[in-house]
C-alpha atoms as a PDB file:
ATOM      1  CA  UNK A   1      21.507 -24.809   6.051  1.00  0.00           C
ATOM      2  CA  UNK A   2      21.495 -23.946   9.739  1.00  0.00           C
ATOM      3  CA  UNK A   3      18.286 -25.926  10.397  1.00  0.00           C
ATOM      4  CA  UNK A   4      19.630 -29.021   8.624  1.00  0.00           C
ATOM      5  CA  UNK A   5      22.949 -28.813  10.452  1.00  0.00           C
ATOM      6  CA  UNK A   6      21.251 -28.400  13.835  1.00  0.00           C
ATOM      7  CA  UNK A   7      19.011 -31.404  13.171  1.00  0.00           C
ATOM      8  CA  UNK A   8      22.190 -33.425  12.553  1.00  0.00           C
ATOM      9  CA  UNK A   9      23.849 -32.006  15.715  1.00  0.00           C
ATOM     10  CA  UNK A  10      26.606 -30.350  13.729  1.00  0.00           C
ATOM     11  CA  UNK A  11      27.448 -27.063  12.045  1.00  0.00           C
ATOM     12  CA  UNK A  12      26.874 -26.062   8.450  1.00  0.00           C
ATOM     13  CA  UNK A  13      27.953 -23.314   6.101  1.00  0.00           C
ATOM     14  CA  UNK A  14      26.762 -22.275   2.667  1.00  0.00           C
ATOM     15  CA  UNK A  15      29.473 -21.308   0.214  1.00  0.00           C
ATOM     16  CA  UNK A  16      27.300 -20.445  -2.785  1.00  0.00           C
ATOM     17  CA  UNK A  17      23.677 -19.865  -3.716  1.00  0.00           C
ATOM     18  CA  UNK A  18      22.158 -19.875  -7.185  1.00  0.00           C
ATOM     19  CA  UNK A  19      18.488 -19.028  -7.497  1.00  0.00           C
ATOM     20  CA  UNK A  20      16.913 -20.684 -10.504  1.00  0.00           C
ATOM     21  CA  UNK A  21      13.352 -19.469  -9.897  1.00  0.00           C
ATOM     22  CA  UNK A  22      12.118 -16.437  -8.003  1.00  0.00           C
ATOM     23  CA  UNK A  23       8.773 -14.612  -8.039  1.00  0.00           C
ATOM     24  CA  UNK A  24       7.689 -16.069 -11.375  1.00  0.00           C
ATOM     25  CA  UNK A  25      11.020 -15.512 -13.108  1.00  0.00           C
ATOM     26  CA  UNK A  26      13.141 -18.407 -14.272  1.00  0.00           C
ATOM     27  CA  UNK A  27      16.901 -18.481 -14.815  1.00  0.00           C
ATOM     28  CA  UNK A  28      16.194 -18.819 -18.545  1.00  0.00           C
ATOM     29  CA  UNK A  29      14.624 -15.309 -18.423  1.00  0.00           C
ATOM     30  CA  UNK A  30      17.947 -13.857 -17.264  1.00  0.00           C
ATOM     31  CA  UNK A  31      20.790 -12.328 -19.221  1.00  0.00           C
ATOM     32  CA  UNK A  32      24.406 -12.027 -18.130  1.00  0.00           C
ATOM     33  CA  UNK A  33      25.176  -8.504 -16.949  1.00  0.00           C
ATOM     34  CA  UNK A  34      28.154  -8.260 -19.303  1.00  0.00           C
ATOM     35  CA  UNK A  35      25.929  -9.071 -22.322  1.00  0.00           C
ATOM     36  CA  UNK A  36      23.499  -6.338 -21.322  1.00  0.00           C
ATOM     37  CA  UNK A  37      26.313  -3.833 -20.856  1.00  0.00           C
ATOM     38  CA  UNK A  38      27.849  -4.616 -24.229  1.00  0.00           C
ATOM     39  CA  UNK A  39      24.737  -5.005 -26.394  1.00  0.00           C
ATOM     40  CA  UNK A  40      21.812  -3.357 -24.626  1.00  0.00           C
ATOM     41  CA  UNK A  41      18.637  -2.966 -26.667  1.00  0.00           C
ATOM     42  CA  UNK A  42      15.026  -2.249 -25.725  1.00  0.00           C
ATOM     43  CA  UNK A  43      13.956  -5.770 -26.718  1.00  0.00           C
ATOM     44  CA  UNK A  44      15.937  -7.055 -23.715  1.00  0.00           C
ATOM     45  CA  UNK A  45      13.441  -5.393 -21.385  1.00  0.00           C
ATOM     46  CA  UNK A  46      10.398  -7.236 -20.099  1.00  0.00           C
ATOM     47  CA  UNK A  47       7.019  -5.506 -19.978  1.00  0.00           C
ATOM     48  CA  UNK A  48       6.149  -4.019 -16.578  1.00  0.00           C
ATOM     49  CA  UNK A  49       3.082  -6.253 -16.482  1.00  0.00           C
ATOM     50  CA  UNK A  50       5.348  -9.322 -16.275  1.00  0.00           C
ATOM     51  CA  UNK A  51       6.621  -8.160 -12.884  1.00  0.00           C
ATOM     52  CA  UNK A  52       3.080  -7.618 -11.611  1.00  0.00           C
ATOM     53  CA  UNK A  53       1.660 -11.010 -12.699  1.00  0.00           C
ATOM     54  CA  UNK A  54       1.295 -12.226  -9.083  1.00  0.00           C
ATOM     55  CA  UNK A  55      -1.458  -9.629  -8.606  1.00  0.00           C
ATOM     56  CA  UNK A  56      -4.956 -10.225  -9.984  1.00  0.00           C
ATOM     57  CA  UNK A  57      -6.118  -8.061 -12.882  1.00  0.00           C
ATOM     58  CA  UNK A  58      -9.354  -6.444 -13.936  1.00  0.00           C
ATOM     59  CA  UNK A  59     -10.408  -4.909 -17.201  1.00  0.00           C
ATOM     60  CA  UNK A  60     -12.418  -1.728 -16.786  1.00  0.00           C
ATOM     61  CA  UNK A  61     -14.599   0.350 -19.089  1.00  0.00           C
ATOM     62  CA  UNK A  62     -13.137   3.274 -21.022  1.00  0.00           C
ATOM     63  CA  UNK A  63     -14.788   5.703 -18.576  1.00  0.00           C
ATOM     64  CA  UNK A  64     -13.346   3.876 -15.566  1.00  0.00           C
ATOM     65  CA  UNK A  65      -9.886   3.743 -17.152  1.00  0.00           C
ATOM     66  CA  UNK A  66     -10.008   7.487 -17.824  1.00  0.00           C
ATOM     67  CA  UNK A  67     -11.147   8.198 -14.260  1.00  0.00           C
ATOM     68  CA  UNK A  68      -8.320   6.060 -12.867  1.00  0.00           C
ATOM     69  CA  UNK A  69      -5.741   7.731 -15.154  1.00  0.00           C
ATOM     70  CA  UNK A  70      -6.963  11.135 -13.978  1.00  0.00           C
ATOM     71  CA  UNK A  71      -6.407  10.268 -10.329  1.00  0.00           C
ATOM     72  CA  UNK A  72      -9.834   9.037  -9.315  1.00  0.00           C
ATOM     73  CA  UNK A  73     -10.443   5.874  -7.354  1.00  0.00           C
ATOM     74  CA  UNK A  74     -12.817   3.213  -8.647  1.00  0.00           C
ATOM     75  CA  UNK A  75     -15.866   1.838  -6.854  1.00  0.00           C
ATOM     76  CA  UNK A  76     -15.212  -1.899  -6.415  1.00  0.00           C
ATOM     77  CA  UNK A  77     -18.944  -2.624  -6.514  1.00  0.00           C
ATOM     78  CA  UNK A  78     -18.928  -1.396 -10.134  1.00  0.00           C
ATOM     79  CA  UNK A  79     -16.103  -3.746 -11.159  1.00  0.00           C
ATOM     80  CA  UNK A  80     -15.559  -7.498 -11.261  1.00  0.00           C
ATOM     81  CA  UNK A  81     -13.440  -7.392  -8.085  1.00  0.00           C
ATOM     82  CA  UNK A  82     -14.849  -9.270  -5.114  1.00  0.00           C
ATOM     83  CA  UNK A  83     -16.050  -6.768  -2.518  1.00  0.00           C
ATOM     84  CA  UNK A  84     -14.013  -8.479   0.197  1.00  0.00           C
ATOM     85  CA  UNK A  85     -10.709  -8.397  -1.732  1.00  0.00           C
ATOM     86  CA  UNK A  86      -7.940  -6.357  -0.132  1.00  0.00           C
ATOM     87  CA  UNK A  87      -4.584  -5.886  -1.832  1.00  0.00           C
ATOM     88  CA  UNK A  88      -2.943  -4.845  -5.076  1.00  0.00           C
ATOM     89  CA  UNK A  89      -4.659  -5.256  -8.424  1.00  0.00           C
ATOM     90  CA  UNK A  90      -3.626  -4.595 -12.021  1.00  0.00           C
ATOM     91  CA  UNK A  91      -6.050  -2.258 -13.793  1.00  0.00           C
ATOM     92  CA  UNK A  92      -6.295  -2.717 -17.575  1.00  0.00           C
ATOM     93  CA  UNK A  93      -8.334  -0.914 -20.195  1.00  0.00           C
ATOM     94  CA  UNK A  94     -10.519  -2.557 -22.868  1.00  0.00           C
ATOM     95  CA  UNK A  95      -7.421  -2.947 -25.092  1.00  0.00           C
ATOM     96  CA  UNK A  96      -5.856  -4.976 -22.229  1.00  0.00           C
ATOM     97  CA  UNK A  97      -3.193  -2.291 -21.742  1.00  0.00           C
ATOM     98  CA  UNK A  98      -1.916  -1.837 -18.191  1.00  0.00           C
ATOM     99  CA  UNK A  99      -3.313   1.460 -16.957  1.00  0.00           C
ATOM    100  CA  UNK A 100      -2.012   1.202 -13.428  1.00  0.00           C
ATOM    101  CA  UNK A 101      -1.635  -0.658 -10.202  1.00  0.00           C
ATOM    102  CA  UNK A 102      -4.363  -0.119  -7.663  1.00  0.00           C
ATOM    103  CA  UNK A 103      -4.881  -1.040  -4.044  1.00  0.00           C
ATOM    104  CA  UNK A 104      -8.267  -2.356  -2.969  1.00  0.00           C
ATOM    105  CA  UNK A 105      -9.640  -1.414   0.412  1.00  0.00           C
ATOM    106  CA  UNK A 106     -12.913  -0.109   1.798  1.00  0.00           C
ATOM    107  CA  UNK A 107     -14.777  -1.026  -1.454  1.00  0.00           C
ATOM    108  CA  UNK A 108     -12.499   1.293  -3.409  1.00  0.00           C
ATOM    109  CA  UNK A 109      -9.601   0.789  -5.843  1.00  0.00           C
ATOM    110  CA  UNK A 110      -7.120   3.524  -5.081  1.00  0.00           C
ATOM    111  CA  UNK A 111      -4.167   4.414  -7.273  1.00  0.00           C
ATOM    112  CA  UNK A 112      -0.801   3.027  -6.260  1.00  0.00           C
ATOM    113  CA  UNK A 113       0.898   3.968  -9.562  1.00  0.00           C
ATOM    114  CA  UNK A 114      -0.037   4.708 -13.157  1.00  0.00           C
ATOM    115  CA  UNK A 115       1.622   3.673 -16.425  1.00  0.00           C
ATOM    116  CA  UNK A 116       1.927   5.576 -19.669  1.00  0.00           C
ATOM    117  CA  UNK A 117      -0.036   3.666 -22.288  1.00  0.00           C
ATOM    118  CA  UNK A 118       0.899   6.071 -25.048  1.00  0.00           C
ATOM    119  CA  UNK A 119      -2.460   7.648 -25.794  1.00  0.00           C
END
């Protein structure tokens, strides 16, 4: 608003803002807060993986998934991750269940957080 106003040699003010898309979520994915308060149910919740979609994912072997779940980092050279990738990555098991979120650096996938997959 400010940039547009300045380019027109005037002033500008925004009185309202409505985001219709943000970080992969669309307004149609939203529920009114009052509806959630009055009729909350678990089916209103989105899977955690939906929030993490911007990050690439890998599927690892059962042994690698177990190692990751037990706190061990993964050797990137033994996965499908490019050796020069740096950043967050979703780690999934062979059943495509989200095991955790890792961070790739120094040829290693280190644990950022783990998820309970109900085993």
